[in-house]
């Protein structure tokens, strides 16, 4: 498994393929909500099994916080550590920015996954795209 920071149009399309498969096809999120106006402002990540894209995510820097978004893994690759590898790569990338915290909105079904990675739940339950979520936060050490 290899997680890459997206550096080409093909890698970007691979990330969008995984996101559409998971969020639009599997979870019925409207595509216009999934692919949004923030795509050009984000650092994108894609996980590969050989040449097959199997996971994706993005990071946006908002003032003094990193916002992790759109973390997803194809169904047949879940529970194989792909999500952990994506999050590790995103956190590594985030350390290069002048931020102290990373925030994310986790689907309730993924809350335990993020808790195991050191994230703390900081909100009650809310709905995003019709799916229950909670906000979570983790402090990171920046690399100067």
N, C-alpha and C. Protein backbone atom coordinates (compact mmCIF):
# COMPACT_ATOMS: atom_id res chain seq x y z
N UNK A 1 0.85 -1.18 0.00
CA UNK A 1 0.00 0.00 0.00
C UNK A 1 0.89 1.24 0.00
N UNK A 2 0.50 2.22 -0.79
CA UNK A 2 1.23 3.48 -0.85
C UNK A 2 0.23 4.63 -0.84
N UNK A 3 0.47 5.61 0.02
CA UNK A 3 -0.36 6.81 0.06
C UNK A 3 0.48 7.95 -0.50
N UNK A 4 -0.09 8.66 -1.48
CA UNK A 4 0.62 9.75 -2.14
C UNK A 4 -0.13 11.07 -1.95
N UNK A 5 0.65 12.16 -1.87
CA UNK A 5 0.07 13.48 -2.02
C UNK A 5 -0.19 13.64 -3.50
N UNK A 6 -1.39 14.00 -3.87
CA UNK A 6 -1.77 14.11 -5.28
C UNK A 6 -0.89 15.15 -5.98
N UNK A 7 -0.27 14.71 -7.08
CA UNK A 7 0.65 15.58 -7.81
C UNK A 7 0.37 15.60 -9.31
N UNK A 8 -0.69 14.92 -9.74
CA UNK A 8 -1.00 14.89 -11.17
C UNK A 8 -2.51 14.83 -11.36
N UNK A 9 -2.95 15.13 -12.57
CA UNK A 9 -4.38 15.04 -12.89
C UNK A 9 -4.89 13.62 -12.71
N UNK A 10 -4.08 12.63 -13.09
CA UNK A 10 -4.50 11.23 -12.94
C UNK A 10 -4.70 10.87 -11.47
N UNK A 11 -3.77 11.27 -10.62
CA UNK A 11 -3.92 10.99 -9.19
C UNK A 11 -5.16 11.69 -8.63
N UNK A 12 -5.44 12.92 -9.10
CA UNK A 12 -6.64 13.62 -8.64
C UNK A 12 -7.89 12.87 -9.07
N UNK A 13 -7.92 12.42 -10.31
CA UNK A 13 -9.07 11.65 -10.79
C UNK A 13 -9.21 10.34 -10.01
N UNK A 14 -8.09 9.71 -9.66
CA UNK A 14 -8.14 8.49 -8.86
C UNK A 14 -8.75 8.76 -7.49
N UNK A 15 -8.37 9.88 -6.87
CA UNK A 15 -8.95 10.24 -5.57
C UNK A 15 -10.45 10.49 -5.71
N UNK A 16 -10.84 11.22 -6.75
CA UNK A 16 -12.27 11.47 -6.98
C UNK A 16 -13.03 10.17 -7.25
N UNK A 17 -12.41 9.23 -7.96
CA UNK A 17 -13.04 7.93 -8.21
C UNK A 17 -13.38 7.23 -6.89
N UNK A 18 -12.43 7.19 -5.97
CA UNK A 18 -12.68 6.53 -4.68
C UNK A 18 -13.76 7.28 -3.92
N UNK A 19 -13.69 8.59 -3.89
CA UNK A 19 -14.68 9.39 -3.17
C UNK A 19 -16.08 9.19 -3.75
N UNK A 20 -16.20 9.19 -5.07
CA UNK A 20 -17.53 8.97 -5.69
C UNK A 20 -18.04 7.56 -5.35
N UNK A 21 -17.16 6.58 -5.43
CA UNK A 21 -17.56 5.20 -5.15
C UNK A 21 -18.10 5.07 -3.73
N UNK A 22 -17.37 5.62 -2.76
CA UNK A 22 -17.75 5.47 -1.35
C UNK A 22 -18.91 6.39 -0.99
N UNK A 23 -18.76 7.68 -1.25
CA UNK A 23 -19.75 8.63 -0.75
C UNK A 23 -21.00 8.73 -1.64
N UNK A 24 -20.82 8.83 -2.94
CA UNK A 24 -21.97 9.01 -3.83
C UNK A 24 -22.68 7.67 -4.08
N UNK A 25 -21.94 6.67 -4.54
CA UNK A 25 -22.57 5.38 -4.89
C UNK A 25 -23.00 4.59 -3.65
N UNK A 26 -22.12 4.48 -2.66
CA UNK A 26 -22.41 3.63 -1.51
C UNK A 26 -23.28 4.33 -0.46
N UNK A 27 -22.97 5.61 -0.17
CA UNK A 27 -23.67 6.30 0.92
C UNK A 27 -24.73 7.29 0.44
N UNK A 28 -24.91 7.38 -0.87
CA UNK A 28 -25.96 8.23 -1.46
C UNK A 28 -25.82 9.72 -1.16
N UNK A 29 -24.58 10.19 -1.00
CA UNK A 29 -24.34 11.63 -0.86
C UNK A 29 -24.47 12.25 -2.25
N UNK A 30 -25.21 13.34 -2.39
CA UNK A 30 -25.30 13.98 -3.72
C UNK A 30 -23.92 14.40 -4.21
N UNK A 31 -23.63 14.13 -5.48
CA UNK A 31 -22.30 14.43 -6.01
C UNK A 31 -21.95 15.91 -5.87
N UNK A 32 -22.94 16.80 -6.01
CA UNK A 32 -22.64 18.23 -5.89
C UNK A 32 -22.24 18.62 -4.47
N UNK A 33 -22.57 17.79 -3.47
CA UNK A 33 -22.09 18.03 -2.11
C UNK A 33 -20.72 17.39 -1.90
N UNK A 34 -20.47 16.28 -2.58
CA UNK A 34 -19.21 15.56 -2.40
C UNK A 34 -18.04 16.29 -3.08
N UNK A 35 -18.18 16.61 -4.33
CA UNK A 35 -17.15 17.36 -5.06
C UNK A 35 -17.57 18.83 -4.95
N UNK A 36 -16.83 19.60 -4.16
CA UNK A 36 -17.30 20.93 -3.82
C UNK A 36 -16.34 22.05 -4.22
N UNK A 37 -16.68 23.25 -3.79
CA UNK A 37 -15.93 24.45 -4.16
C UNK A 37 -14.55 24.52 -3.50
N UNK A 38 -14.25 23.62 -2.57
CA UNK A 38 -12.97 23.68 -1.85
C UNK A 38 -11.89 22.77 -2.45
N UNK A 39 -12.20 22.07 -3.52
CA UNK A 39 -11.24 21.12 -4.09
C UNK A 39 -9.91 21.77 -4.44
N UNK A 40 -9.94 22.96 -5.02
CA UNK A 40 -8.70 23.62 -5.44
C UNK A 40 -7.91 24.18 -4.27
N UNK A 41 -8.54 24.33 -3.10
CA UNK A 41 -7.87 24.86 -1.91
C UNK A 41 -7.29 23.77 -1.03
N UNK A 42 -7.47 22.53 -1.39
CA UNK A 42 -7.08 21.41 -0.54
C UNK A 42 -5.84 20.69 -1.07
N UNK A 43 -5.14 20.04 -0.13
CA UNK A 43 -4.09 19.09 -0.48
C UNK A 43 -4.79 17.73 -0.50
N UNK A 44 -4.70 17.03 -1.62
CA UNK A 44 -5.40 15.76 -1.78
C UNK A 44 -4.44 14.59 -1.61
N UNK A 45 -5.01 13.47 -1.17
CA UNK A 45 -4.24 12.25 -0.92
C UNK A 45 -4.96 11.08 -1.57
N UNK A 46 -4.18 10.13 -2.09
CA UNK A 46 -4.78 8.93 -2.67
C UNK A 46 -3.92 7.73 -2.27
N UNK A 47 -4.60 6.65 -1.88
CA UNK A 47 -3.92 5.41 -1.50
C UNK A 47 -4.05 4.42 -2.65
N UNK A 48 -2.95 3.74 -2.92
CA UNK A 48 -2.92 2.75 -4.00
C UNK A 48 -2.53 1.38 -3.48
N UNK A 49 -3.18 0.37 -4.04
CA UNK A 49 -2.76 -1.02 -3.92
C UNK A 49 -2.21 -1.35 -5.29
N UNK A 50 -0.90 -1.30 -5.45
CA UNK A 50 -0.30 -1.37 -6.78
C UNK A 50 -0.68 -0.12 -7.53
N UNK A 51 -1.40 -0.28 -8.64
CA UNK A 51 -1.86 0.88 -9.41
C UNK A 51 -3.34 1.17 -9.19
N UNK A 52 -3.97 0.37 -8.32
CA UNK A 52 -5.42 0.54 -8.07
C UNK A 52 -5.65 1.55 -6.95
N UNK A 53 -6.41 2.63 -7.23
CA UNK A 53 -6.75 3.57 -6.16
C UNK A 53 -7.77 2.94 -5.21
N UNK A 54 -7.47 2.96 -3.90
CA UNK A 54 -8.33 2.29 -2.93
C UNK A 54 -8.76 3.17 -1.77
N UNK A 55 -8.16 4.36 -1.64
CA UNK A 55 -8.51 5.26 -0.54
C UNK A 55 -8.19 6.69 -0.92
N UNK A 56 -8.79 7.63 -0.19
CA UNK A 56 -8.57 9.04 -0.50
C UNK A 56 -8.87 9.89 0.71
N UNK A 57 -8.46 11.15 0.63
CA UNK A 57 -8.76 12.14 1.65
C UNK A 57 -8.21 13.47 1.22
N UNK A 58 -8.51 14.50 2.00
CA UNK A 58 -7.97 15.82 1.70
C UNK A 58 -7.73 16.59 3.00
N UNK A 59 -6.88 17.60 2.89
CA UNK A 59 -6.53 18.47 4.01
C UNK A 59 -6.66 19.91 3.55
N UNK A 60 -7.37 20.71 4.33
CA UNK A 60 -7.42 22.15 4.07
C UNK A 60 -6.88 22.87 5.29
N UNK A 61 -6.14 23.94 5.05
CA UNK A 61 -5.63 24.77 6.13
C UNK A 61 -6.54 25.98 6.25
N UNK A 62 -7.15 26.12 7.41
CA UNK A 62 -8.08 27.21 7.67
C UNK A 62 -7.53 28.02 8.84
N UNK A 63 -6.94 29.16 8.53
CA UNK A 63 -6.30 30.00 9.55
C UNK A 63 -5.26 29.19 10.33
N UNK A 64 -5.54 28.86 11.58
CA UNK A 64 -4.54 28.16 12.40
C UNK A 64 -4.92 26.71 12.69
N UNK A 65 -5.75 26.14 11.83
CA UNK A 65 -6.18 24.75 12.05
C UNK A 65 -6.16 23.99 10.73
N UNK A 66 -5.85 22.71 10.82
CA UNK A 66 -5.95 21.84 9.65
C UNK A 66 -7.29 21.13 9.70
N UNK A 67 -7.98 21.05 8.57
CA UNK A 67 -9.26 20.36 8.51
C UNK A 67 -9.13 19.16 7.60
N UNK A 68 -9.27 17.98 8.18
CA UNK A 68 -9.21 16.73 7.44
C UNK A 68 -10.61 16.42 6.95
N UNK A 69 -10.70 16.09 5.67
CA UNK A 69 -12.01 15.86 5.06
C UNK A 69 -11.97 14.70 4.07
N UNK A 70 -13.13 14.15 3.81
CA UNK A 70 -13.35 13.19 2.73
C UNK A 70 -12.48 11.91 2.85
N UNK A 71 -12.23 11.47 4.07
CA UNK A 71 -11.47 10.23 4.25
C UNK A 71 -12.36 9.06 3.87
N UNK A 72 -11.88 8.23 2.96
CA UNK A 72 -12.68 7.09 2.52
C UNK A 72 -11.78 5.98 1.98
N UNK A 73 -12.28 4.76 2.11
CA UNK A 73 -11.58 3.57 1.64
C UNK A 73 -12.62 2.68 0.97
N UNK A 74 -12.25 2.11 -0.18
CA UNK A 74 -13.16 1.18 -0.86
C UNK A 74 -13.54 0.05 0.09
N UNK A 75 -14.78 -0.39 0.00
CA UNK A 75 -15.33 -1.38 0.92
C UNK A 75 -14.44 -2.61 1.08
N UNK A 76 -13.94 -3.13 -0.03
CA UNK A 76 -13.15 -4.37 0.05
C UNK A 76 -11.77 -4.18 0.68
N UNK A 77 -11.37 -2.93 0.95
CA UNK A 77 -10.07 -2.65 1.56
C UNK A 77 -10.18 -2.17 3.00
N UNK A 78 -11.40 -2.03 3.51
CA UNK A 78 -11.56 -1.60 4.89
C UNK A 78 -11.06 -2.68 5.83
N UNK A 79 -10.62 -2.28 6.98
CA UNK A 79 -10.03 -3.13 8.03
C UNK A 79 -8.65 -3.68 7.63
N UNK A 80 -8.03 -3.12 6.60
CA UNK A 80 -6.69 -3.54 6.19
C UNK A 80 -5.63 -2.49 6.51
N UNK A 81 -6.00 -1.45 7.26
CA UNK A 81 -5.04 -0.42 7.65
C UNK A 81 -4.89 0.73 6.68
N UNK A 82 -5.67 0.74 5.61
CA UNK A 82 -5.55 1.81 4.61
C UNK A 82 -5.92 3.16 5.22
N UNK A 83 -6.99 3.20 5.99
CA UNK A 83 -7.41 4.46 6.62
C UNK A 83 -6.35 5.01 7.55
N UNK A 84 -5.71 4.13 8.31
CA UNK A 84 -4.62 4.56 9.21
C UNK A 84 -3.48 5.15 8.39
N UNK A 85 -3.11 4.50 7.29
CA UNK A 85 -2.02 5.01 6.46
C UNK A 85 -2.36 6.37 5.85
N UNK A 86 -3.60 6.55 5.42
CA UNK A 86 -4.03 7.85 4.88
C UNK A 86 -3.92 8.91 5.97
N UNK A 87 -4.42 8.63 7.15
CA UNK A 87 -4.38 9.61 8.23
C UNK A 87 -2.94 9.93 8.64
N UNK A 88 -2.08 8.93 8.67
CA UNK A 88 -0.67 9.19 9.01
C UNK A 88 -0.03 10.11 7.98
N UNK A 89 -0.31 9.89 6.72
CA UNK A 89 0.25 10.73 5.65
C UNK A 89 -0.29 12.16 5.76
N UNK A 90 -1.57 12.30 6.03
CA UNK A 90 -2.17 13.63 6.18
C UNK A 90 -1.57 14.35 7.38
N UNK A 91 -1.43 13.66 8.50
CA UNK A 91 -0.85 14.29 9.69
C UNK A 91 0.60 14.69 9.44
N UNK A 92 1.35 13.85 8.74
CA UNK A 92 2.73 14.18 8.39
C UNK A 92 2.76 15.45 7.55
N UNK A 93 1.88 15.56 6.58
CA UNK A 93 1.81 16.74 5.72
C UNK A 93 1.40 17.97 6.55
N UNK A 94 0.45 17.80 7.46
CA UNK A 94 -0.05 18.91 8.27
C UNK A 94 1.04 19.51 9.15
N UNK A 95 1.99 18.70 9.57
CA UNK A 95 3.08 19.19 10.43
C UNK A 95 3.95 20.23 9.73
N UNK A 96 3.86 20.32 8.42
CA UNK A 96 4.62 21.31 7.68
C UNK A 96 3.96 22.68 7.63
N UNK A 97 2.80 22.81 8.24
CA UNK A 97 2.06 24.08 8.26
C UNK A 97 2.09 24.65 9.67
N UNK A 98 1.94 25.97 9.80
CA UNK A 98 1.96 26.59 11.14
C UNK A 98 0.61 26.42 11.86
N UNK A 99 0.28 25.18 12.16
CA UNK A 99 -0.98 24.88 12.86
C UNK A 99 -0.65 24.02 14.07
N UNK A 100 -1.56 24.03 15.02
CA UNK A 100 -1.39 23.20 16.21
C UNK A 100 -2.40 22.07 16.30
N UNK A 101 -3.56 22.28 15.69
CA UNK A 101 -4.63 21.30 15.79
C UNK A 101 -5.14 20.87 14.43
N UNK A 102 -5.63 19.65 14.41
CA UNK A 102 -6.34 19.13 13.25
C UNK A 102 -7.76 18.83 13.71
N UNK A 103 -8.71 19.22 12.88
CA UNK A 103 -10.11 18.98 13.17
C UNK A 103 -10.69 18.14 12.04
N UNK A 104 -11.69 17.35 12.37
CA UNK A 104 -12.41 16.60 11.35
C UNK A 104 -13.83 16.36 11.84
N UNK A 105 -14.70 16.13 10.90
CA UNK A 105 -16.07 15.74 11.20
C UNK A 105 -16.20 14.27 10.82
N UNK A 106 -16.33 13.44 11.85
CA UNK A 106 -16.35 11.99 11.64
C UNK A 106 -17.77 11.46 11.59
N UNK A 107 -18.02 10.57 10.63
CA UNK A 107 -19.27 9.85 10.67
C UNK A 107 -19.28 9.05 11.98
N UNK A 108 -20.44 8.96 12.60
CA UNK A 108 -20.56 8.26 13.88
C UNK A 108 -19.95 6.85 13.79
N UNK A 109 -20.14 6.19 12.66
CA UNK A 109 -19.61 4.83 12.51
C UNK A 109 -18.09 4.79 12.50
N UNK A 110 -17.43 5.94 12.29
CA UNK A 110 -15.96 5.99 12.26
C UNK A 110 -15.37 6.65 13.50
N UNK A 111 -16.20 7.05 14.46
CA UNK A 111 -15.70 7.76 15.64
C UNK A 111 -14.66 6.95 16.40
N UNK A 112 -14.90 5.67 16.61
CA UNK A 112 -13.93 4.83 17.34
C UNK A 112 -12.60 4.75 16.59
N UNK A 113 -12.65 4.68 15.26
CA UNK A 113 -11.43 4.65 14.44
C UNK A 113 -10.57 5.88 14.75
N UNK A 114 -11.17 7.07 14.71
CA UNK A 114 -10.42 8.30 14.95
C UNK A 114 -9.97 8.41 16.41
N UNK A 115 -10.79 7.92 17.35
CA UNK A 115 -10.40 7.93 18.76
C UNK A 115 -9.12 7.12 18.95
N UNK A 116 -9.02 5.99 18.28
CA UNK A 116 -7.80 5.16 18.38
C UNK A 116 -6.58 5.88 17.82
N UNK A 117 -6.81 6.85 16.93
CA UNK A 117 -5.70 7.62 16.35
C UNK A 117 -5.38 8.87 17.17
N UNK A 118 -6.05 9.04 18.31
CA UNK A 118 -5.74 10.16 19.19
C UNK A 118 -6.65 11.36 19.08
N UNK A 119 -7.74 11.24 18.34
CA UNK A 119 -8.68 12.34 18.20
C UNK A 119 -9.69 12.31 19.34
N UNK A 120 -10.11 13.50 19.78
CA UNK A 120 -11.06 13.65 20.87
C UNK A 120 -12.35 14.24 20.31
N UNK A 121 -13.47 13.67 20.71
CA UNK A 121 -14.77 14.18 20.28
C UNK A 121 -15.04 15.50 20.99
N UNK A 122 -15.41 16.54 20.22
CA UNK A 122 -15.60 17.87 20.78
C UNK A 122 -16.99 18.43 20.51
N UNK A 123 -17.90 17.59 20.04
CA UNK A 123 -19.26 18.07 19.77
C UNK A 123 -20.25 16.95 20.03
N UNK A 124 -21.50 17.34 20.06
CA UNK A 124 -22.57 16.36 20.04
C UNK A 124 -22.80 15.92 18.60
N UNK A 125 -23.74 15.04 18.43
CA UNK A 125 -24.05 14.52 17.10
C UNK A 125 -24.77 15.57 16.25
N UNK A 126 -24.40 15.63 14.97
CA UNK A 126 -25.07 16.49 14.00
C UNK A 126 -25.11 15.76 12.67
N UNK A 127 -25.92 16.26 11.75
CA UNK A 127 -26.06 15.61 10.46
C UNK A 127 -25.35 16.40 9.38
N UNK A 128 -24.64 15.70 8.51
CA UNK A 128 -24.00 16.27 7.33
C UNK A 128 -24.33 15.33 6.18
N UNK A 129 -24.91 15.87 5.12
CA UNK A 129 -25.35 15.07 3.97
C UNK A 129 -26.26 13.93 4.42
N UNK A 130 -27.06 14.18 5.47
CA UNK A 130 -28.01 13.19 5.96
C UNK A 130 -27.39 12.08 6.79
N UNK A 131 -26.10 12.20 7.14
CA UNK A 131 -25.38 11.16 7.87
C UNK A 131 -24.96 11.73 9.23
N UNK A 132 -25.20 10.99 10.34
CA UNK A 132 -24.79 11.49 11.66
C UNK A 132 -23.27 11.58 11.80
N UNK A 133 -22.80 12.71 12.33
CA UNK A 133 -21.37 12.99 12.51
C UNK A 133 -21.13 13.56 13.91
N UNK A 134 -19.86 13.60 14.30
CA UNK A 134 -19.38 14.36 15.45
C UNK A 134 -18.10 15.08 15.02
N UNK A 135 -17.85 16.24 15.63
CA UNK A 135 -16.59 16.95 15.38
C UNK A 135 -15.53 16.38 16.31
N UNK A 136 -14.30 16.26 15.79
CA UNK A 136 -13.20 15.71 16.58
C UNK A 136 -11.96 16.58 16.34
N UNK A 137 -11.04 16.53 17.32
CA UNK A 137 -9.84 17.38 17.24
C UNK A 137 -8.64 16.62 17.81
N UNK A 138 -7.48 16.93 17.28
CA UNK A 138 -6.21 16.36 17.76
C UNK A 138 -5.15 17.44 17.67
N UNK A 139 -4.33 17.55 18.70
CA UNK A 139 -3.21 18.48 18.69
C UNK A 139 -2.02 17.77 18.06
N UNK A 140 -1.34 18.50 17.16
CA UNK A 140 -0.15 17.94 16.52
C UNK A 140 1.03 18.84 16.82
N UNK A 141 2.22 18.28 16.68
CA UNK A 141 3.43 19.08 16.83
C UNK A 141 3.87 19.50 15.45
N UNK A 142 4.07 20.81 15.26
CA UNK A 142 4.50 21.28 13.95
C UNK A 142 6.00 21.12 13.80
N UNK A 143 6.42 20.99 12.57
CA UNK A 143 7.83 20.90 12.24
C UNK A 143 8.26 22.27 11.78
N UNK A 144 9.23 22.85 12.42
CA UNK A 144 9.67 24.21 12.04
C UNK A 144 10.70 24.16 10.94
